[in-house]
Amino acid sequence: MKRQRGIALITILMMVALATIIAATIAKRQANTNENTAYLMRQNQSLFYAQSAESFFSEILAQDAESNSSADYLQEVWAKPMPGFPIDGGMVSGQILDESGKFNLNTLTHADGTPNPEAQAYFERLLRRVGLTPESSQAVIDWQDPDDLTIGAMGAESNHYGGLSQSYLAANAIFHSQEELKQVRGFEGANYDRIAPYVTAIPSHTTKININTAPALVLAALDDQLDPNAIQAMLEMKQAKMEYFSNLNELWEISPFDQMDAQNKTATANLLDVKSTFFKAEIEVILSDRRRQFSSYLMREDKHVYVYSRSLAPF
């Protein structure tokens, strides 16, 4: 009898322990579910606020086109960062960056995939400015062109990338993002970091660089003899005076560009403009002490603004 009572007691204790474990497991899963649900709700809220900011920036660009269609420059309203806007449980902030002020990697080829010699020469001068091998432009062109033949000793096609420890194929298509350049021969690691601030990947072969918003180093790539420091001083002076270039001839008439070779002026003129079409909106949402960043790529055409790409990657 005592033995049976002991067995019954052990059985009861085991059942209680098992029930406790099950209850704890259910509670933990419920807590995880609640936490995941709260995370998804915050994520959805953040996306909603980011899309609202995107609409706000799109409207600013549309209004700018309505009020001034002759030129785009950094003293305009669209180029000023948006002050932090308070929301329930956090804040939204952001800014518009002009992608038209950078060198577009996709202009290195024409629509049929053949190289664009004027754009290639410009890009090679830019590579030289940042301390990279100018002939690396060949690999960037090979990445885009439709064939599997290298255009020079520094070129690279799928047979090169297929031999790497982590193999992949050349895209044989336009760049869909600037970060794609990291996969191209000659632009790995620190080499990419050197050129990244000055290039973009706009989905067009015919974009032009806005001389009003381009960094000094991008403008210095117009000619090897130009002094980037002199260009930077000139840009700062024009901004301080609220001045901008209303046409390309004004650039050629001001120092140090007035010293440029006439042939170089002619060769690069088709790559330059004073207006912008492509922009990037960088949006940051802080909600419940969590920071999220979003990027919207905007195209302005005929006074209308369209979103052509979005990214959730931190900038």
Protein backbone atom coordinates (compact mmCIF):
# COMPACT_ATOMS: atom_id res chain seq x y z
CA MET A 1 0.00 0.00 0.00
CA LYS A 2 2.78 2.46 0.96
CA ARG A 3 4.60 1.55 -2.21
CA GLN A 4 1.49 2.29 -4.30
CA ARG A 5 1.05 5.64 -2.51
CA GLY A 6 4.68 6.51 -3.25
CA ILE A 7 4.26 5.68 -6.91
CA ALA A 8 1.07 7.75 -7.06
CA LEU A 9 2.83 10.70 -5.42
CA ILE A 10 5.72 10.51 -7.88
CA THR A 11 3.24 10.33 -10.75
CA ILE A 12 1.40 13.40 -9.47
CA LEU A 13 4.67 15.32 -9.07
CA MET A 14 5.69 14.38 -12.60
CA MET A 15 2.34 15.53 -13.95
CA VAL A 16 2.63 18.82 -12.08
CA ALA A 17 6.16 19.34 -13.40
CA LEU A 18 5.04 18.48 -16.92
CA ALA A 19 2.10 20.89 -16.66
CA THR A 20 4.44 23.61 -15.39
CA ILE A 21 6.81 23.05 -18.32
CA ILE A 22 3.93 23.12 -20.81
CA ALA A 23 2.54 26.30 -19.26
CA ALA A 24 5.94 27.97 -19.35
CA THR A 25 6.44 26.95 -22.98
CA ILE A 26 3.02 28.31 -23.94
CA ALA A 27 3.74 31.56 -22.10
CA LYS A 28 7.11 31.92 -23.82
CA ARG A 29 5.62 31.24 -27.24
CA GLN A 30 2.83 33.71 -26.52
CA ALA A 31 5.40 36.32 -25.49
CA ASN A 32 7.38 35.66 -28.68
CA THR A 33 4.19 35.91 -30.74
CA ASN A 34 3.28 39.18 -29.06
CA GLU A 35 6.79 40.51 -29.63
CA ASN A 36 6.74 39.46 -33.30
CA THR A 37 3.31 41.01 -33.75
CA ALA A 38 4.51 44.26 -32.17
CA TYR A 39 7.59 44.22 -34.41
CA LEU A 40 5.47 43.74 -37.55
CA MET A 41 3.14 46.54 -36.44
CA ARG A 42 6.10 48.88 -35.91
CA GLN A 43 7.51 47.85 -39.28
CA ASN A 44 4.20 48.58 -41.00
CA GLN A 45 3.94 51.91 -39.21
CA SER A 46 7.48 52.80 -40.25
CA LEU A 47 6.71 51.94 -43.87
CA PHE A 48 3.59 54.09 -43.71
CA TYR A 49 5.54 57.07 -42.38
CA ALA A 50 8.31 56.50 -44.96
CA GLN A 51 5.78 56.46 -47.80
CA SER A 52 4.26 59.66 -46.45
CA ALA A 53 7.69 61.30 -46.48
CA GLU A 54 8.25 59.97 -50.01
CA SER A 55 5.01 61.62 -51.13
CA PHE A 56 6.09 64.84 -49.41
CA PHE A 57 9.43 64.87 -51.26
CA SER A 58 7.74 64.03 -54.56
CA GLU A 59 5.42 67.00 -54.12
CA ILE A 60 8.36 69.32 -53.38
CA LEU A 61 10.09 68.23 -56.61
CA ALA A 62 6.88 68.66 -58.60
CA GLN A 63 6.34 72.16 -57.21
CA ASP A 64 9.95 73.05 -57.98
CA ALA A 65 9.41 72.05 -61.61
CA GLU A 66 6.30 74.24 -61.73
CA SER A 67 8.09 77.30 -60.34
CA ASN A 68 11.50 76.95 -62.00
CA SER A 69 12.13 74.67 -64.94
CA SER A 70 15.27 76.38 -66.28
CA ALA A 71 17.85 74.99 -63.82
CA ASP A 72 18.26 72.95 -60.63
CA TYR A 73 20.76 73.95 -57.97
CA LEU A 74 21.59 73.36 -54.31
CA GLN A 75 20.12 76.62 -53.00
CA GLU A 76 16.59 75.48 -53.87
CA VAL A 77 14.06 74.21 -51.32
CA TRP A 78 14.24 70.59 -52.48
CA ALA A 79 17.97 70.44 -51.62
CA LYS A 80 17.45 71.42 -47.97
CA PRO A 81 17.18 68.56 -45.41
CA MET A 82 13.72 68.05 -43.94
CA PRO A 83 13.77 68.90 -40.22
CA GLY A 84 12.77 66.08 -37.89
CA PHE A 85 8.96 65.81 -37.88
CA PRO A 86 7.48 64.42 -34.64
CA ILE A 87 5.15 61.44 -34.90
CA ASP A 88 3.44 59.29 -32.29
CA GLY A 89 6.30 57.50 -30.54
CA GLY A 90 9.12 58.87 -32.65
CA MET A 91 10.24 61.12 -35.49
CA VAL A 92 10.60 61.22 -39.29
CA SER A 93 13.42 63.04 -41.11
CA GLY A 94 15.02 62.94 -44.53
CA GLN A 95 16.62 64.68 -47.46
CA ILE A 96 16.67 64.72 -51.25
CA LEU A 97 19.95 64.01 -53.00
CA ASP A 98 20.51 64.75 -56.67
CA GLU A 99 21.57 61.60 -58.50
CA SER A 100 21.96 63.71 -61.65
CA GLY A 101 24.99 65.35 -60.05
CA LYS A 102 26.96 62.08 -60.28
CA PHE A 103 28.43 60.05 -63.11
CA ASN A 104 25.89 57.48 -64.31
CA LEU A 105 27.58 54.10 -64.86
CA ASN A 106 24.98 53.18 -67.46
CA THR A 107 26.09 55.97 -69.80
CA LEU A 108 29.27 53.98 -70.47
CA THR A 109 27.35 52.04 -73.11
CA HIS A 110 24.81 52.96 -75.75
CA ALA A 111 21.41 51.27 -75.88
CA ASP A 112 22.83 48.59 -78.21
CA GLY A 113 25.57 47.73 -75.70
CA THR A 114 28.46 49.32 -77.59
CA PRO A 115 30.84 51.55 -75.59
CA ASN A 116 30.28 55.30 -75.40
CA PRO A 117 33.82 56.70 -75.94
CA GLU A 118 33.06 60.19 -74.53
CA ALA A 119 31.55 58.78 -71.35
CA GLN A 120 34.38 56.24 -71.03
CA ALA A 121 37.02 58.97 -71.27
CA TYR A 122 35.18 61.01 -68.62
CA PHE A 123 34.90 57.99 -66.31
CA GLU A 124 38.58 57.16 -66.72
CA ARG A 125 39.56 60.69 -65.69
CA LEU A 126 37.27 60.33 -62.65
CA LEU A 127 38.90 57.00 -61.76
CA ARG A 128 42.31 58.65 -62.00
CA ARG A 129 41.12 61.44 -59.68
CA VAL A 130 40.21 58.96 -56.92
CA GLY A 131 43.41 56.95 -57.32
CA LEU A 132 42.08 53.98 -59.29
CA THR A 133 43.35 52.47 -62.54
CA PRO A 134 41.62 54.28 -65.43
CA GLU A 135 41.54 51.12 -67.56
CA SER A 136 39.21 49.55 -64.98
CA SER A 137 36.48 51.21 -67.01
CA GLN A 138 36.82 48.26 -69.40
CA ALA A 139 35.49 45.86 -66.77
CA VAL A 140 32.52 48.14 -66.09
CA ILE A 141 31.65 48.18 -69.79
CA ASP A 142 32.08 44.39 -70.06
CA TRP A 143 29.71 43.97 -67.11
CA GLN A 144 27.00 45.73 -69.14
CA ASP A 145 27.58 44.76 -72.77
CA PRO A 146 25.65 41.75 -74.12
CA ASP A 147 28.62 39.70 -75.34
CA ASP A 148 31.23 37.56 -73.58
CA LEU A 149 34.27 39.21 -75.17
CA THR A 150 36.51 41.52 -73.13
CA ILE A 151 37.17 44.94 -74.63
CA GLY A 152 40.71 45.21 -73.23
CA ALA A 153 43.33 43.80 -70.87
CA MET A 154 41.47 45.14 -67.81
CA GLY A 155 38.10 43.87 -69.00
CA ALA A 156 36.28 40.93 -67.40
CA GLU A 157 33.46 38.67 -68.52
CA SER A 158 31.75 35.63 -67.00
CA ASN A 159 34.81 33.40 -67.56
CA HIS A 160 36.72 35.63 -65.11
CA TYR A 161 34.00 35.78 -62.46
CA GLY A 162 33.28 32.07 -62.85
CA GLY A 163 36.84 31.29 -61.75
CA LEU A 164 36.53 33.11 -58.41
CA SER A 165 36.14 31.19 -55.15
CA GLN A 166 32.57 32.47 -54.97
CA SER A 167 31.70 32.37 -58.64
CA TYR A 168 29.01 34.33 -60.46
CA LEU A 169 28.25 35.63 -63.94
CA ALA A 170 28.59 39.06 -65.47
CA ALA A 171 25.21 40.78 -65.64
CA ASN A 172 25.40 41.61 -69.36
CA ALA A 173 22.82 44.29 -68.59
CA ILE A 174 22.69 47.80 -67.18
CA PHE A 175 23.48 48.42 -63.52
CA HIS A 176 20.33 48.28 -61.41
CA SER A 177 22.04 49.67 -58.32
CA GLN A 178 25.27 51.44 -57.50
CA GLU A 179 26.26 48.63 -55.10
CA GLU A 180 26.37 46.22 -58.04
CA LEU A 181 29.71 47.83 -58.93
CA LYS A 182 31.25 45.97 -55.96
CA GLN A 183 31.08 42.77 -58.02
CA VAL A 184 33.02 44.20 -60.95
CA ARG A 185 36.72 43.44 -61.35
CA GLY A 186 38.85 46.26 -59.94
CA PHE A 187 36.15 47.68 -57.67
CA GLU A 188 36.29 45.29 -54.75
CA GLY A 189 36.57 46.49 -51.15
CA ALA A 190 38.24 49.87 -50.64
CA ASN A 191 38.33 50.56 -54.38
CA TYR A 192 34.54 50.71 -54.41
CA ASP A 193 34.53 53.05 -51.42
CA ARG A 194 36.77 55.48 -53.29
CA ILE A 195 34.50 55.88 -56.29
CA ALA A 196 31.07 55.32 -54.66
CA PRO A 197 30.34 58.97 -53.70
CA TYR A 198 30.72 60.08 -57.31
CA VAL A 199 28.76 57.48 -59.30
CA THR A 200 25.17 56.34 -59.60
CA ALA A 201 23.14 53.72 -61.49
CA ILE A 202 20.30 55.53 -63.23
CA PRO A 203 18.32 53.25 -65.59
CA SER A 204 19.17 55.25 -68.71
CA HIS A 205 22.03 55.43 -71.22
CA THR A 206 21.57 59.13 -71.98
CA THR A 207 21.53 61.03 -68.66
CA LYS A 208 23.62 64.15 -68.20
CA ILE A 209 25.55 65.48 -65.17
CA ASN A 210 24.08 68.60 -63.57
CA ILE A 211 27.02 71.00 -63.17
CA ASN A 212 25.11 72.87 -60.43
CA THR A 213 24.93 69.88 -58.11
CA ALA A 214 28.01 67.85 -59.08
CA PRO A 215 30.82 67.55 -56.47
CA ALA A 216 34.12 69.29 -57.23
CA LEU A 217 35.84 66.00 -58.04
CA VAL A 218 33.21 65.08 -60.66
CA LEU A 219 33.70 68.47 -62.32
CA ALA A 220 37.48 68.10 -62.06
CA ALA A 221 37.16 64.96 -64.21
CA LEU A 222 36.28 67.20 -67.17
CA ASP A 223 40.01 67.74 -67.70
CA ASP A 224 43.14 66.27 -66.13
CA GLN A 225 44.64 69.76 -65.74
CA LEU A 226 41.85 71.13 -63.53
CA ASP A 227 42.54 71.77 -59.85
CA PRO A 228 39.84 70.23 -57.58
CA ASN A 229 40.65 72.71 -54.80
CA ALA A 230 40.12 75.67 -57.11
CA ILE A 231 36.82 74.15 -58.26
CA GLN A 232 35.69 73.60 -54.67
CA ALA A 233 36.50 77.23 -53.81
CA MET A 234 34.53 78.40 -56.85
CA LEU A 235 31.51 76.28 -55.90
CA GLU A 236 31.53 77.57 -52.33
CA MET A 237 31.72 81.16 -53.54
CA LYS A 238 28.76 80.67 -55.88
CA GLN A 239 26.69 79.06 -53.12
CA ALA A 240 27.52 81.87 -50.70
CA LYS A 241 26.30 84.38 -53.29
CA MET A 242 23.21 82.24 -54.08
CA GLU A 243 24.44 81.95 -57.67
CA TYR A 244 24.17 79.03 -60.08
CA PHE A 245 24.88 78.13 -63.70
CA SER A 246 21.89 78.87 -65.92
CA ASN A 247 23.60 77.38 -68.97
CA LEU A 248 26.73 75.47 -69.90
CA ASN A 249 28.49 78.47 -71.46
CA GLU A 250 28.68 80.12 -68.04
CA LEU A 251 30.81 77.21 -66.83
CA TRP A 252 33.31 77.56 -69.69
CA GLU A 253 33.68 81.30 -68.97
CA ILE A 254 34.58 80.98 -65.27
CA SER A 255 37.96 80.05 -63.79
CA PRO A 256 39.42 77.42 -63.83
CA PHE A 257 37.23 75.98 -66.63
CA ASP A 258 38.11 78.83 -68.98
CA GLN A 259 41.57 77.27 -69.23
CA MET A 260 40.25 73.96 -70.54
CA ASP A 261 41.25 72.65 -73.93
CA ALA A 262 38.59 73.49 -76.54
CA GLN A 263 38.52 69.89 -77.76
CA ASN A 264 37.76 68.65 -74.24
CA LYS A 265 34.95 71.18 -73.91
CA THR A 266 33.38 69.92 -77.10
CA ALA A 267 33.81 66.26 -76.15
CA THR A 268 32.22 66.66 -72.71
CA ALA A 269 29.47 69.17 -73.53
CA ASN A 270 26.98 66.42 -74.45
CA LEU A 271 27.47 64.86 -71.02
CA LEU A 272 26.56 68.01 -69.06
CA ASP A 273 23.42 69.95 -68.18
CA VAL A 274 22.08 72.48 -65.65
CA LYS A 275 18.90 70.53 -64.88
CA SER A 276 18.18 67.34 -62.94
CA THR A 277 15.80 64.47 -63.61
CA PHE A 278 16.77 61.76 -61.13
CA PHE A 279 16.83 62.08 -57.34
CA LYS A 280 17.20 59.94 -54.23
CA ALA A 281 15.11 60.52 -51.11
CA GLU A 282 16.81 59.28 -47.94
CA ILE A 283 14.20 58.80 -45.20
CA GLU A 284 14.79 57.89 -41.56
CA VAL A 285 12.01 56.80 -39.21
CA ILE A 286 12.59 56.51 -35.46
CA LEU A 287 9.72 54.63 -33.84
CA SER A 288 9.69 53.15 -30.32
CA ASP A 289 13.45 53.76 -30.06
CA ARG A 290 14.06 51.74 -33.24
CA ARG A 291 15.76 53.44 -36.18
CA ARG A 292 14.84 52.42 -39.74
CA GLN A 293 16.11 53.86 -43.01
CA PHE A 294 14.49 53.83 -46.43
CA SER A 295 15.60 55.07 -49.86
CA SER A 296 13.27 56.10 -52.67
CA TYR A 297 14.62 56.76 -56.16
CA LEU A 298 12.59 59.40 -57.96
CA MET A 299 12.37 60.45 -61.60
CA ARG A 300 10.91 63.83 -62.55
CA GLU A 301 9.54 64.15 -66.05
CA ASP A 302 7.12 66.69 -67.52
CA LYS A 303 6.57 68.17 -64.04
CA HIS A 304 5.46 64.76 -62.71
CA VAL A 305 7.45 62.67 -60.23
CA TYR A 306 7.60 58.87 -60.34
CA VAL A 307 9.19 56.30 -58.04
CA TYR A 308 11.37 53.96 -60.09
CA SER A 309 13.02 52.05 -57.23
CA ARG A 310 12.94 51.62 -53.44
CA SER A 311 15.40 50.16 -50.95
CA LEU A 312 15.16 49.13 -47.30
CA ALA A 313 18.94 48.90 -46.94
CA PRO A 314 20.54 51.39 -44.51
CA PHE A 315 22.26 54.30 -46.23
